[in-house]
Amino acid sequence: MFGRLVELPDVRRRLASGARVAVTGAGGYTGRELTGALLAGGVAVVNLTGDPRRPTPFDGRIETRAFAWARPDELAASLANCSVLFNTYWIRFPRGRATHALAVERSEQLFAAARRAGVGRIVHVSIARPELESPLSYYRGKAEVERALAASGVAHTILRPTVLFGAGDVLVNNIAWCVRRFPVFLVPGDGRYRVQPLHVADFATALAAAAEADGDATLDAVGPETFGFTELVHVIAAALGRRVRVISAPRGVVRAATAVLGAVVGDVVLTRAEIDGLCADLLASDAPPIGRVRLTEWLRAHSDELGVEYANEVRRHYRRRGA
């Protein structure tokens, strides 16, 4: 499942075999792929997580520490002797007291702890096209975190992915899940806004390569293919051997439909920010692609399992096993 970080330079410094790094959310989607590759390269990983009881594929192979937000000394101690902090911490949507504003505040705490612990470099996962003036708290919050990282005094690289795909992803899998079950698929607006899917393993390689860089940098992270959203739905349907009628609908209608579906599956299918971000063409970039895995080829290779089960974000992140 996890490959070695073959794209790294022959002479490694921060990720040399025996090095120690921290990954926020080593059991999460991006963190899991990155952690597996790091372990394959002989790098020791500290997993910082909000729920230390949540299982990962690496039990016994990584050290797990809880985010000690109320205890700055403990948070800094968790990062001791780490050459790199790979930060994937964020929340997709507000839930309870967990808001985007709180996620920004906690990101600032994490960067301060990294500086205090002497971490040499932070590699941070952001999002394509964050904007401090955005009316969407997701994109505004992401921009505020980037600003906090720039002010932290720690050398860093910020990577801004668009859409990630691979085993266990949410967007591509759940489009496939819908295509398997419904003859009609609603898209908000005209459906011509672009998406540039990047394979999660390509993204993990880019994160690791960024750990070996010097200076500060901000880079977009996009895959080698670009699709209009309606086109993407048809490409997924074709890979599954299904026919689906794609209908353009007002955003409010799509929000209502996804709310009904969410009630059925017990999940937040799409947030308002995600719908608005799609329609604003925020999931594409003019930057050159960093990935090599093409979605069209990956779909053909994984059509048998894609969309068979719904990928439930609420269950994955908010419900402990056995709860």
C-alpha atoms as a PDB file:
ATOM      1  CA  MET A   1       0.000   0.000   0.000  1.00  0.00           C
ATOM      2  CA  PHE A   2       2.728   2.445   0.930  1.00  0.00           C
ATOM      3  CA  GLY A   3       5.762   3.079  -1.260  1.00  0.00           C
ATOM      4  CA  ARG A   4       9.223   4.340  -0.489  1.00  0.00           C
ATOM      5  CA  LEU A   5       9.980   7.987  -1.032  1.00  0.00           C
ATOM      6  CA  VAL A   6      11.879   7.322  -4.222  1.00  0.00           C
ATOM      7  CA  GLU A   7      11.636  10.922  -5.396  1.00  0.00           C
ATOM      8  CA  LEU A   8      13.902  12.279  -2.656  1.00  0.00           C
ATOM      9  CA  PRO A   9      17.489  13.332  -3.354  1.00  0.00           C
ATOM     10  CA  ASP A  10      20.155  10.704  -2.771  1.00  0.00           C
ATOM     11  CA  VAL A  11      21.641  12.791   0.031  1.00  0.00           C
ATOM     12  CA  ARG A  12      18.987  13.212   2.691  1.00  0.00           C
ATOM     13  CA  ARG A  13      19.265  15.385   5.740  1.00  0.00           C
ATOM     14  CA  ARG A  14      16.020  15.814   7.608  1.00  0.00           C
ATOM     15  CA  LEU A  15      14.569  12.489   6.435  1.00  0.00           C
ATOM     16  CA  ALA A  16      17.674  10.341   6.702  1.00  0.00           C
ATOM     17  CA  SER A  17      17.144   6.844   8.043  1.00  0.00           C
ATOM     18  CA  GLY A  18      16.912   7.150  11.813  1.00  0.00           C
ATOM     19  CA  ALA A  19      15.542  10.692  11.719  1.00  0.00           C
ATOM     20  CA  ARG A  20      12.534  11.614  13.852  1.00  0.00           C
ATOM     21  CA  VAL A  21       9.605  13.647  12.523  1.00  0.00           C
ATOM     22  CA  ALA A  22       6.087  14.541  13.635  1.00  0.00           C
ATOM     23  CA  VAL A  23       2.927  14.102  11.565  1.00  0.00           C
ATOM     24  CA  THR A  24      -0.380  15.568  12.674  1.00  0.00           C
ATOM     25  CA  GLY A  25      -3.037  12.962  11.985  1.00  0.00           C
ATOM     26  CA  ALA A  26      -0.877  10.014  10.923  1.00  0.00           C
ATOM     27  CA  GLY A  27      -4.062   7.958  10.717  1.00  0.00           C
ATOM     28  CA  GLY A  28      -5.824  10.449   8.455  1.00  0.00           C
ATOM     29  CA  TYR A  29      -6.068  10.304   4.698  1.00  0.00           C
ATOM     30  CA  THR A  30      -2.955  12.269   3.725  1.00  0.00           C
ATOM     31  CA  GLY A  31      -1.106  11.545   6.963  1.00  0.00           C
ATOM     32  CA  ARG A  32      -1.550   7.799   6.569  1.00  0.00           C
ATOM     33  CA  GLU A  33       0.019   7.722   3.109  1.00  0.00           C
ATOM     34  CA  LEU A  34       2.888   9.968   4.188  1.00  0.00           C
ATOM     35  CA  THR A  35       3.550   8.016   7.388  1.00  0.00           C
ATOM     36  CA  GLY A  36       3.700   4.683   5.585  1.00  0.00           C
ATOM     37  CA  ALA A  37       6.271   6.054   3.146  1.00  0.00           C
ATOM     38  CA  LEU A  38       8.329   7.615   5.940  1.00  0.00           C
ATOM     39  CA  LEU A  39       8.412   4.370   7.910  1.00  0.00           C
ATOM     40  CA  ALA A  40       9.477   2.509   4.764  1.00  0.00           C
ATOM     41  CA  GLY A  41      12.441   4.887   4.576  1.00  0.00           C
ATOM     42  CA  GLY A  42      13.508   4.236   8.167  1.00  0.00           C
ATOM     43  CA  VAL A  43      12.166   7.514   9.582  1.00  0.00           C
ATOM     44  CA  ALA A  44      10.656   7.485  13.095  1.00  0.00           C
ATOM     45  CA  VAL A  45       7.219   9.116  13.273  1.00  0.00           C
ATOM     46  CA  VAL A  46       5.436  10.827  16.155  1.00  0.00           C
ATOM     47  CA  ASN A  47       1.684  10.962  15.548  1.00  0.00           C
ATOM     48  CA  LEU A  48      -0.038  14.031  16.994  1.00  0.00           C
ATOM     49  CA  THR A  49      -3.782  13.482  17.140  1.00  0.00           C
ATOM     50  CA  GLY A  50      -6.939  14.652  18.812  1.00  0.00           C
ATOM     51  CA  ASP A  51      -7.888  11.077  19.674  1.00  0.00           C
ATOM     52  CA  PRO A  52      -4.950   8.832  20.691  1.00  0.00           C
ATOM     53  CA  ARG A  53      -7.350   5.883  20.972  1.00  0.00           C
ATOM     54  CA  ARG A  54      -8.216   6.005  17.297  1.00  0.00           C
ATOM     55  CA  PRO A  55      -6.439   3.058  15.608  1.00  0.00           C
ATOM     56  CA  THR A  56      -3.983   3.523  12.757  1.00  0.00           C
ATOM     57  CA  PRO A  57      -2.394   1.000  10.381  1.00  0.00           C
ATOM     58  CA  PHE A  58       0.884   1.571  12.255  1.00  0.00           C
ATOM     59  CA  ASP A  59       0.101   0.374  15.781  1.00  0.00           C
ATOM     60  CA  GLY A  60       3.361  -0.417  17.536  1.00  0.00           C
ATOM     61  CA  ARG A  61       5.464   1.281  14.866  1.00  0.00           C
ATOM     62  CA  ILE A  62       4.796   4.925  15.683  1.00  0.00           C
ATOM     63  CA  GLU A  63       4.631   6.983  18.859  1.00  0.00           C
ATOM     64  CA  THR A  64       1.247   8.616  19.424  1.00  0.00           C
ATOM     65  CA  ARG A  65       0.749  11.788  21.440  1.00  0.00           C
ATOM     66  CA  ALA A  66      -2.434  13.757  22.072  1.00  0.00           C
ATOM     67  CA  PHE A  67      -2.701  17.387  21.082  1.00  0.00           C
ATOM     68  CA  ALA A  68      -2.148  19.089  24.437  1.00  0.00           C
ATOM     69  CA  TRP A  69      -3.765  22.386  23.516  1.00  0.00           C
ATOM     70  CA  ALA A  70      -4.189  23.461  27.140  1.00  0.00           C
ATOM     71  CA  ARG A  71      -0.630  22.416  28.078  1.00  0.00           C
ATOM     72  CA  PRO A  72       1.950  24.251  25.913  1.00  0.00           C
ATOM     73  CA  ASP A  73       4.921  22.569  27.619  1.00  0.00           C
ATOM     74  CA  GLU A  74       3.550  19.129  26.833  1.00  0.00           C
ATOM     75  CA  LEU A  75       2.784  20.059  23.243  1.00  0.00           C
ATOM     76  CA  ALA A  76       6.345  21.317  22.735  1.00  0.00           C
ATOM     77  CA  ALA A  77       7.753  18.205  24.419  1.00  0.00           C
ATOM     78  CA  SER A  78       5.888  16.024  21.913  1.00  0.00           C
ATOM     79  CA  LEU A  79       7.923  17.707  19.158  1.00  0.00           C
ATOM     80  CA  ALA A  80      11.298  17.371  20.873  1.00  0.00           C
ATOM     81  CA  ASN A  81      14.086  16.051  18.614  1.00  0.00           C
ATOM     82  CA  CYS A  82      11.846  16.207  15.528  1.00  0.00           C
ATOM     83  CA  SER A  83      13.592  17.557  12.440  1.00  0.00           C
ATOM     84  CA  VAL A  84      10.312  18.185  10.597  1.00  0.00           C
ATOM     85  CA  LEU A  85       6.671  18.790  11.468  1.00  0.00           C
ATOM     86  CA  PHE A  86       4.290  17.665   8.717  1.00  0.00           C
ATOM     87  CA  ASN A  87       1.089  19.506   9.481  1.00  0.00           C
ATOM     88  CA  THR A  88      -2.221  18.263   8.097  1.00  0.00           C
ATOM     89  CA  TYR A  89      -4.294  19.582  11.030  1.00  0.00           C
ATOM     90  CA  TRP A  90      -7.573  21.225  10.051  1.00  0.00           C
ATOM     91  CA  ILE A  91     -11.307  20.604  10.180  1.00  0.00           C
ATOM     92  CA  ARG A  92     -13.415  20.126   7.075  1.00  0.00           C
ATOM     93  CA  PHE A  93     -16.568  21.579   8.637  1.00  0.00           C
ATOM     94  CA  PRO A  94     -17.529  23.096  12.017  1.00  0.00           C
ATOM     95  CA  ARG A  95     -19.011  20.660  14.504  1.00  0.00           C
ATOM     96  CA  GLY A  96     -19.847  21.527  18.091  1.00  0.00           C
ATOM     97  CA  ARG A  97     -17.211  23.879  19.475  1.00  0.00           C
ATOM     98  CA  ALA A  98     -14.771  22.840  16.747  1.00  0.00           C
ATOM     99  CA  THR A  99     -14.859  25.806  14.369  1.00  0.00           C
ATOM    100  CA  HIS A 100     -12.534  27.097  11.693  1.00  0.00           C
ATOM    101  CA  ALA A 101     -11.603  29.995  13.983  1.00  0.00           C
ATOM    102  CA  LEU A 102     -10.593  27.533  16.707  1.00  0.00           C
ATOM    103  CA  ALA A 103      -8.585  25.526  14.161  1.00  0.00           C
ATOM    104  CA  VAL A 104      -6.674  28.696  13.258  1.00  0.00           C
ATOM    105  CA  GLU A 105      -5.954  29.391  16.929  1.00  0.00           C
ATOM    106  CA  ARG A 106      -4.732  25.858  17.512  1.00  0.00           C
ATOM    107  CA  SER A 107      -2.560  25.946  14.395  1.00  0.00           C
ATOM    108  CA  GLU A 108      -0.854  29.021  15.824  1.00  0.00           C
ATOM    109  CA  GLN A 109      -0.262  27.098  19.064  1.00  0.00           C
ATOM    110  CA  LEU A 110       1.224  24.211  17.105  1.00  0.00           C
ATOM    111  CA  PHE A 111       3.638  26.452  15.202  1.00  0.00           C
ATOM    112  CA  ALA A 112       4.718  28.141  18.434  1.00  0.00           C
ATOM    113  CA  ALA A 113       5.357  24.734  20.001  1.00  0.00           C
ATOM    114  CA  ALA A 114       7.411  23.663  16.971  1.00  0.00           C
ATOM    115  CA  ARG A 115       9.569  26.755  17.238  1.00  0.00           C
ATOM    116  CA  ARG A 116      10.022  26.224  20.977  1.00  0.00           C
ATOM    117  CA  ALA A 117      10.992  22.574  20.408  1.00  0.00           C
ATOM    118  CA  GLY A 118      13.600  23.511  17.794  1.00  0.00           C
ATOM    119  CA  VAL A 119      11.851  21.848  14.845  1.00  0.00           C
ATOM    120  CA  GLY A 120      13.940  22.640  11.761  1.00  0.00           C
ATOM    121  CA  ARG A 121      11.157  22.817   9.201  1.00  0.00           C
ATOM    122  CA  ILE A 122       7.376  22.771   8.933  1.00  0.00           C
ATOM    123  CA  VAL A 123       5.715  21.286   5.858  1.00  0.00           C
ATOM    124  CA  HIS A 124       2.136  22.498   5.919  1.00  0.00           C
ATOM    125  CA  VAL A 125      -0.914  21.258   4.010  1.00  0.00           C
ATOM    126  CA  SER A 126      -3.153  24.156   2.976  1.00  0.00           C
ATOM    127  CA  ILE A 127      -5.744  24.359   0.202  1.00  0.00           C
ATOM    128  CA  ALA A 128      -5.801  25.764  -3.308  1.00  0.00           C
ATOM    129  CA  ARG A 129      -6.594  29.468  -3.467  1.00  0.00           C
ATOM    130  CA  PRO A 130      -6.970  30.505   0.182  1.00  0.00           C
ATOM    131  CA  GLU A 131      -7.942  34.129   0.643  1.00  0.00           C
ATOM    132  CA  LEU A 132      -7.909  36.352   3.736  1.00  0.00           C
ATOM    133  CA  GLU A 133     -10.932  38.269   2.440  1.00  0.00           C
ATOM    134  CA  SER A 134     -12.912  35.175   1.453  1.00  0.00           C
ATOM    135  CA  PRO A 135     -16.526  35.063   2.654  1.00  0.00           C
ATOM    136  CA  LEU A 136     -16.007  31.307   3.150  1.00  0.00           C
ATOM    137  CA  SER A 137     -14.586  30.542   6.603  1.00  0.00           C
ATOM    138  CA  TYR A 138     -12.804  27.447   5.278  1.00  0.00           C
ATOM    139  CA  TYR A 139     -10.746  29.383   2.729  1.00  0.00           C
ATOM    140  CA  ARG A 140     -10.346  32.419   4.972  1.00  0.00           C
ATOM    141  CA  GLY A 141      -9.174  30.242   7.844  1.00  0.00           C
ATOM    142  CA  LYS A 142      -6.666  28.452   5.649  1.00  0.00           C
ATOM    143  CA  ALA A 143      -5.225  31.827   4.617  1.00  0.00           C
ATOM    144  CA  GLU A 144      -5.008  32.905   8.261  1.00  0.00           C
ATOM    145  CA  VAL A 145      -3.074  29.740   9.104  1.00  0.00           C
ATOM    146  CA  GLU A 146      -0.647  30.411   6.252  1.00  0.00           C
ATOM    147  CA  ARG A 147      -0.137  33.931   7.596  1.00  0.00           C
ATOM    148  CA  ALA A 148       0.533  32.559  11.078  1.00  0.00           C
ATOM    149  CA  LEU A 149       3.069  30.092   9.729  1.00  0.00           C
ATOM    150  CA  ALA A 150       4.890  32.851   7.824  1.00  0.00           C
ATOM    151  CA  ALA A 151       5.106  34.831  11.068  1.00  0.00           C
ATOM    152  CA  SER A 152       6.272  31.856  13.167  1.00  0.00           C
ATOM    153  CA  GLY A 153       9.958  32.202  12.354  1.00  0.00           C
ATOM    154  CA  VAL A 154      10.236  28.505  11.413  1.00  0.00           C
ATOM    155  CA  ALA A 155      11.435  27.587   7.914  1.00  0.00           C
ATOM    156  CA  HIS A 156       8.540  26.135   5.993  1.00  0.00           C
ATOM    157  CA  THR A 157       6.936  24.968   2.779  1.00  0.00           C
ATOM    158  CA  ILE A 158       3.213  25.379   2.199  1.00  0.00           C
ATOM    159  CA  LEU A 159       1.614  22.973  -0.263  1.00  0.00           C
ATOM    160  CA  ARG A 160      -1.817  23.823  -1.635  1.00  0.00           C
ATOM    161  CA  PRO A 161      -3.589  20.723  -2.999  1.00  0.00           C
ATOM    162  CA  THR A 162      -6.771  20.826  -5.043  1.00  0.00           C
ATOM    163  CA  VAL A 163      -8.579  17.458  -4.968  1.00  0.00           C
ATOM    164  CA  LEU A 164      -6.845  14.321  -3.702  1.00  0.00           C
ATOM    165  CA  PHE A 165      -7.825  10.848  -4.835  1.00  0.00           C
ATOM    166  CA  GLY A 166      -6.764   7.301  -4.057  1.00  0.00           C
ATOM    167  CA  ALA A 167      -7.939   4.397  -1.920  1.00  0.00           C
ATOM    168  CA  GLY A 168     -10.337   5.690   0.723  1.00  0.00           C
ATOM    169  CA  ASP A 169     -10.793   9.205  -0.678  1.00  0.00           C
ATOM    170  CA  VAL A 170     -14.085  11.021  -0.179  1.00  0.00           C
ATOM    171  CA  LEU A 171     -14.990  13.030  -3.280  1.00  0.00           C
ATOM    172  CA  VAL A 172     -14.227  10.597  -6.115  1.00  0.00           C
ATOM    173  CA  ASN A 173     -15.428   7.570  -4.136  1.00  0.00           C
ATOM    174  CA  ASN A 174     -18.709   9.171  -3.146  1.00  0.00           C
ATOM    175  CA  ILE A 175     -19.412  10.421  -6.654  1.00  0.00           C
ATOM    176  CA  ALA A 176     -18.950   6.788  -7.728  1.00  0.00           C
ATOM    177  CA  TRP A 177     -21.228   5.639  -4.882  1.00  0.00           C
ATOM    178  CA  CYS A 178     -23.986   7.938  -6.156  1.00  0.00           C
ATOM    179  CA  VAL A 179     -23.450   6.918  -9.777  1.00  0.00           C
ATOM    180  CA  ARG A 180     -23.840   3.263  -8.802  1.00  0.00           C
ATOM    181  CA  ARG A 181     -27.187   3.954  -7.129  1.00  0.00           C
ATOM    182  CA  PHE A 182     -28.940   6.827  -8.859  1.00  0.00           C
ATOM    183  CA  PRO A 183     -29.717   7.479 -12.535  1.00  0.00           C
ATOM    184  CA  VAL A 184     -29.473  11.251 -12.042  1.00  0.00           C
ATOM    185  CA  PHE A 185     -26.608  13.337 -10.611  1.00  0.00           C
ATOM    186  CA  LEU A 186     -27.133  16.989  -9.675  1.00  0.00           C
ATOM    187  CA  VAL A 187     -24.300  19.485 -10.095  1.00  0.00           C
ATOM    188  CA  PRO A 188     -24.459  23.058  -8.817  1.00  0.00           C
ATOM    189  CA  GLY A 189     -24.401  25.771 -11.450  1.00  0.00           C
ATOM    190  CA  ASP A 190     -23.172  25.072 -14.947  1.00  0.00           C
ATOM    191  CA  GLY A 191     -20.765  22.282 -13.946  1.00  0.00           C
ATOM    192  CA  ARG A 192     -17.935  23.701 -16.070  1.00  0.00           C
ATOM    193  CA  TYR A 193     -15.717  24.726 -13.142  1.00  0.00           C
ATOM    194  CA  ARG A 194     -12.454  22.807 -13.098  1.00  0.00           C
ATOM    195  CA  VAL A 195     -10.941  20.180 -10.842  1.00  0.00           C
ATOM    196  CA  GLN A 196      -7.360  18.863 -11.038  1.00  0.00           C
ATOM    197  CA  PRO A 197      -7.194  15.622  -9.045  1.00  0.00           C
ATOM    198  CA  LEU A 198      -3.851  14.652  -7.496  1.00  0.00           C
ATOM    199  CA  HIS A 199      -3.109  11.121  -6.315  1.00  0.00           C
ATOM    200  CA  VAL A 200      -2.461  10.957  -2.575  1.00  0.00           C
ATOM    201  CA  ALA A 201       0.820   9.059  -3.055  1.00  0.00           C
ATOM    202  CA  ASP A 202       2.104  11.786  -5.381  1.00  0.00           C
ATOM    203  CA  PHE A 203       1.145  14.326  -2.745  1.00  0.00           C
ATOM    204  CA  ALA A 204       2.964  12.375  -0.025  1.00  0.00           C
ATOM    205  CA  THR A 205       6.089  12.358  -2.177  1.00  0.00           C
ATOM    206  CA  ALA A 206       5.799  16.132  -2.641  1.00  0.00           C
ATOM    207  CA  LEU A 207       5.449  16.621   1.115  1.00  0.00           C
ATOM    208  CA  ALA A 208       8.553  14.567   1.796  1.00  0.00           C
ATOM    209  CA  ALA A 209      10.553  16.382  -0.877  1.00  0.00           C
ATOM    210  CA  ALA A 210       9.525  19.702   0.680  1.00  0.00           C
ATOM    211  CA  ALA A 211      11.079  18.578   3.963  1.00  0.00           C
ATOM    212  CA  GLU A 212      14.501  18.582   2.302  1.00  0.00           C
ATOM    213  CA  ALA A 213      14.144  22.068   0.810  1.00  0.00           C
ATOM    214  CA  ASP A 214      15.692  25.233   2.189  1.00  0.00           C
ATOM    215  CA  GLY A 215      14.080  28.624   2.655  1.00  0.00           C
ATOM    216  CA  ASP A 216      10.361  29.301   2.550  1.00  0.00           C
ATOM    217  CA  ALA A 217       8.051  28.412  -0.321  1.00  0.00           C
ATOM    218  CA  THR A 218       4.371  28.181  -1.220  1.00  0.00           C
ATOM    219  CA  LEU A 219       3.431  25.767  -3.995  1.00  0.00           C
ATOM    220  CA  ASP A 220       0.217  24.591  -5.631  1.00  0.00           C
ATOM    221  CA  ALA A 221      -0.174  20.819  -5.776  1.00  0.00           C
ATOM    222  CA  VAL A 222      -2.206  19.579  -8.755  1.00  0.00           C
ATOM    223  CA  GLY A 223      -2.429  16.440 -10.817  1.00  0.00           C
ATOM    224  CA  PRO A 224      -1.713  15.920 -14.531  1.00  0.00           C
ATOM    225  CA  GLU A 225      -5.351  16.003 -15.721  1.00  0.00           C
ATOM    226  CA  THR A 226      -7.964  18.748 -15.644  1.00  0.00           C
ATOM    227  CA  PHE A 227     -11.710  18.124 -15.838  1.00  0.00           C
ATOM    228  CA  GLY A 228     -14.836  20.207 -15.774  1.00  0.00           C
ATOM    229  CA  PHE A 229     -16.921  18.922 -12.871  1.00  0.00           C
ATOM    230  CA  THR A 230     -19.673  17.557 -15.106  1.00  0.00           C
ATOM    231  CA  GLU A 231     -16.981  15.895 -17.204  1.00  0.00           C
ATOM    232  CA  LEU A 232     -15.506  14.349 -14.056  1.00  0.00           C
ATOM    233  CA  VAL A 233     -18.835  12.739 -13.168  1.00  0.00           C
ATOM    234  CA  HIS A 234     -19.112  11.267 -16.679  1.00  0.00           C
ATOM    235  CA  VAL A 235     -15.510   9.994 -16.552  1.00  0.00           C
ATOM    236  CA  ILE A 236     -16.216   8.206 -13.264  1.00  0.00           C
ATOM    237  CA  ALA A 237     -19.469   6.763 -14.593  1.00  0.00           C
ATOM    238  CA  ALA A 238     -17.734   5.492 -17.738  1.00  0.00           C
ATOM    239  CA  ALA A 239     -15.064   3.762 -15.651  1.00  0.00           C
ATOM    240  CA  LEU A 240     -17.827   1.978 -13.732  1.00  0.00           C
ATOM    241  CA  GLY A 241     -19.679   1.044 -16.906  1.00  0.00           C
ATOM    242  CA  ARG A 242     -22.676   3.133 -15.833  1.00  0.00           C
ATOM    243  CA  ARG A 243     -24.774   5.750 -17.551  1.00  0.00           C
ATOM    244  CA  VAL A 244     -25.913   8.757 -15.570  1.00  0.00           C
ATOM    245  CA  ARG A 245     -27.824  11.886 -16.457  1.00  0.00           C
ATOM    246  CA  VAL A 246     -26.024  14.948 -15.078  1.00  0.00           C
ATOM    247  CA  ILE A 247     -28.386  17.857 -14.400  1.00  0.00           C
ATOM    248  CA  SER A 248     -27.312  21.407 -13.610  1.00  0.00           C
ATOM    249  CA  ALA A 249     -29.246  22.880 -10.707  1.00  0.00           C
ATOM    250  CA  PRO A 250     -29.160  26.034  -8.549  1.00  0.00           C
ATOM    251  CA  ARG A 251     -26.803  25.825  -5.587  1.00  0.00           C
ATOM    252  CA  GLY A 252     -29.700  25.946  -3.137  1.00  0.00           C
ATOM    253  CA  VAL A 253     -31.300  22.910  -4.752  1.00  0.00           C
ATOM    254  CA  VAL A 254     -28.030  20.981  -4.598  1.00  0.00           C
ATOM    255  CA  ARG A 255     -27.550  21.952  -0.931  1.00  0.00           C
ATOM    256  CA  ALA A 256     -31.041  20.698  -0.140  1.00  0.00           C
ATOM    257  CA  ALA A 257     -30.506  17.440  -2.029  1.00  0.00           C
ATOM    258  CA  THR A 258     -27.166  16.761  -0.341  1.00  0.00           C
ATOM    259  CA  ALA A 259     -28.725  17.553   3.051  1.00  0.00           C
ATOM    260  CA  VAL A 260     -31.369  14.885   2.428  1.00  0.00           C
ATOM    261  CA  LEU A 261     -28.725  12.393   1.314  1.00  0.00           C
ATOM    262  CA  GLY A 262     -26.616  13.318   4.351  1.00  0.00           C
ATOM    263  CA  ALA A 263     -29.518  12.522   6.664  1.00  0.00           C
ATOM    264  CA  VAL A 264     -29.852   9.106   5.025  1.00  0.00           C
ATOM    265  CA  VAL A 265     -26.150   8.178   5.249  1.00  0.00           C
ATOM    266  CA  GLY A 266     -25.437  10.042   8.506  1.00  0.00           C
ATOM    267  CA  ASP A 267     -22.800  12.337   7.065  1.00  0.00           C
ATOM    268  CA  VAL A 268     -22.111  15.847   5.790  1.00  0.00           C
ATOM    269  CA  VAL A 269     -22.030  15.111   2.066  1.00  0.00           C
ATOM    270  CA  LEU A 270     -21.064  18.596   0.859  1.00  0.00           C
ATOM    271  CA  THR A 271     -20.769  21.809   2.823  1.00  0.00           C
ATOM    272  CA  ARG A 272     -21.924  25.169   1.560  1.00  0.00           C
ATOM    273  CA  ALA A 273     -18.278  26.280   1.396  1.00  0.00           C
ATOM    274  CA  GLU A 274     -17.408  23.259  -0.754  1.00  0.00           C
ATOM    275  CA  ILE A 275     -20.249  23.951  -3.162  1.00  0.00           C
ATOM    276  CA  ASP A 276     -19.370  27.639  -3.369  1.00  0.00           C
ATOM    277  CA  GLY A 277     -15.669  26.828  -3.747  1.00  0.00           C
ATOM    278  CA  LEU A 278     -16.415  24.466  -6.612  1.00  0.00           C
ATOM    279  CA  CYS A 279     -18.560  27.006  -8.425  1.00  0.00           C
ATOM    280  CA  ALA A 280     -15.892  29.697  -7.934  1.00  0.00           C
ATOM    281  CA  ASP A 281     -13.353  27.500  -9.748  1.00  0.00           C
ATOM    282  CA  LEU A 282     -11.175  27.235  -6.619  1.00  0.00           C
ATOM    283  CA  LEU A 283     -10.184  23.596  -7.159  1.00  0.00           C
ATOM    284  CA  ALA A 284      -7.853  24.282 -10.058  1.00  0.00           C
ATOM    285  CA  SER A 285      -4.595  26.106 -10.608  1.00  0.00           C
ATOM    286  CA  ASP A 286      -2.471  27.350 -13.475  1.00  0.00           C
ATOM    287  CA  ALA A 287       0.624  25.829 -11.831  1.00  0.00           C
ATOM    288  CA  PRO A 288       2.365  22.888 -13.538  1.00  0.00           C
ATOM    289  CA  PRO A 289       1.328  19.452 -12.264  1.00  0.00           C
ATOM    290  CA  ILE A 290       3.439  17.734  -9.610  1.00  0.00           C
ATOM    291  CA  GLY A 291       1.826  14.302  -9.892  1.00  0.00           C
ATOM    292  CA  ARG A 292       2.227  11.483 -12.383  1.00  0.00           C
ATOM    293  CA  VAL A 293      -0.736   9.230 -11.565  1.00  0.00           C
ATOM    294  CA  ARG A 294      -3.586   9.990 -13.946  1.00  0.00           C
ATOM    295  CA  LEU A 295      -7.098   9.732 -12.570  1.00  0.00           C
ATOM    296  CA  THR A 296      -8.440   8.160 -15.775  1.00  0.00           C
ATOM    297  CA  GLU A 297      -5.933   5.310 -15.526  1.00  0.00           C
ATOM    298  CA  TRP A 298      -6.454   4.887 -11.783  1.00  0.00           C
ATOM    299  CA  LEU A 299     -10.218   4.667 -12.254  1.00  0.00           C
ATOM    300  CA  ARG A 300      -9.866   1.833 -14.738  1.00  0.00           C
ATOM    301  CA  ALA A 301      -7.601  -0.072 -12.359  1.00  0.00           C
ATOM    302  CA  HIS A 302      -9.921   0.360  -9.343  1.00  0.00           C
ATOM    303  CA  SER A 303     -13.394   0.343 -10.882  1.00  0.00           C
ATOM    304  CA  ASP A 304     -14.420  -2.877  -9.110  1.00  0.00           C
ATOM    305  CA  GLU A 305     -14.115  -1.412  -5.595  1.00  0.00           C
ATOM    306  CA  LEU A 306     -14.708   2.280  -6.246  1.00  0.00           C
ATOM    307  CA  GLY A 307     -17.969   3.528  -4.754  1.00  0.00           C
ATOM    308  CA  VAL A 308     -19.067   0.138  -3.448  1.00  0.00           C
ATOM    309  CA  GLU A 309     -19.152   1.600   0.062  1.00  0.00           C
ATOM    310  CA  TYR A 310     -19.882   5.180   1.049  1.00  0.00           C
ATOM    311  CA  ALA A 311     -16.918   7.042   2.624  1.00  0.00           C
ATOM    312  CA  ASN A 312     -18.437   8.573   5.754  1.00  0.00           C
ATOM    313  CA  GLU A 313     -16.484  11.569   7.097  1.00  0.00           C
ATOM    314  CA  VAL A 314     -18.510  11.944  10.298  1.00  0.00           C
ATOM    315  CA  ARG A 315     -18.045   8.318  11.240  1.00  0.00           C
ATOM    316  CA  ARG A 316     -14.364   8.436  10.308  1.00  0.00           C
ATOM    317  CA  HIS A 317     -13.490  11.497  12.362  1.00  0.00           C
ATOM    318  CA  TYR A 318     -16.066  11.862  15.107  1.00  0.00           C
ATOM    319  CA  ARG A 319     -17.146   8.403  16.154  1.00  0.00           C
ATOM    320  CA  ARG A 320     -14.710   6.170  17.923  1.00  0.00           C
ATOM    321  CA  ARG A 321     -14.654   2.509  17.059  1.00  0.00           C
ATOM    322  CA  GLY A 322     -17.190   0.718  19.192  1.00  0.00           C
ATOM    323  CA  ALA A 323     -19.004   3.967  20.068  1.00  0.00           C
END
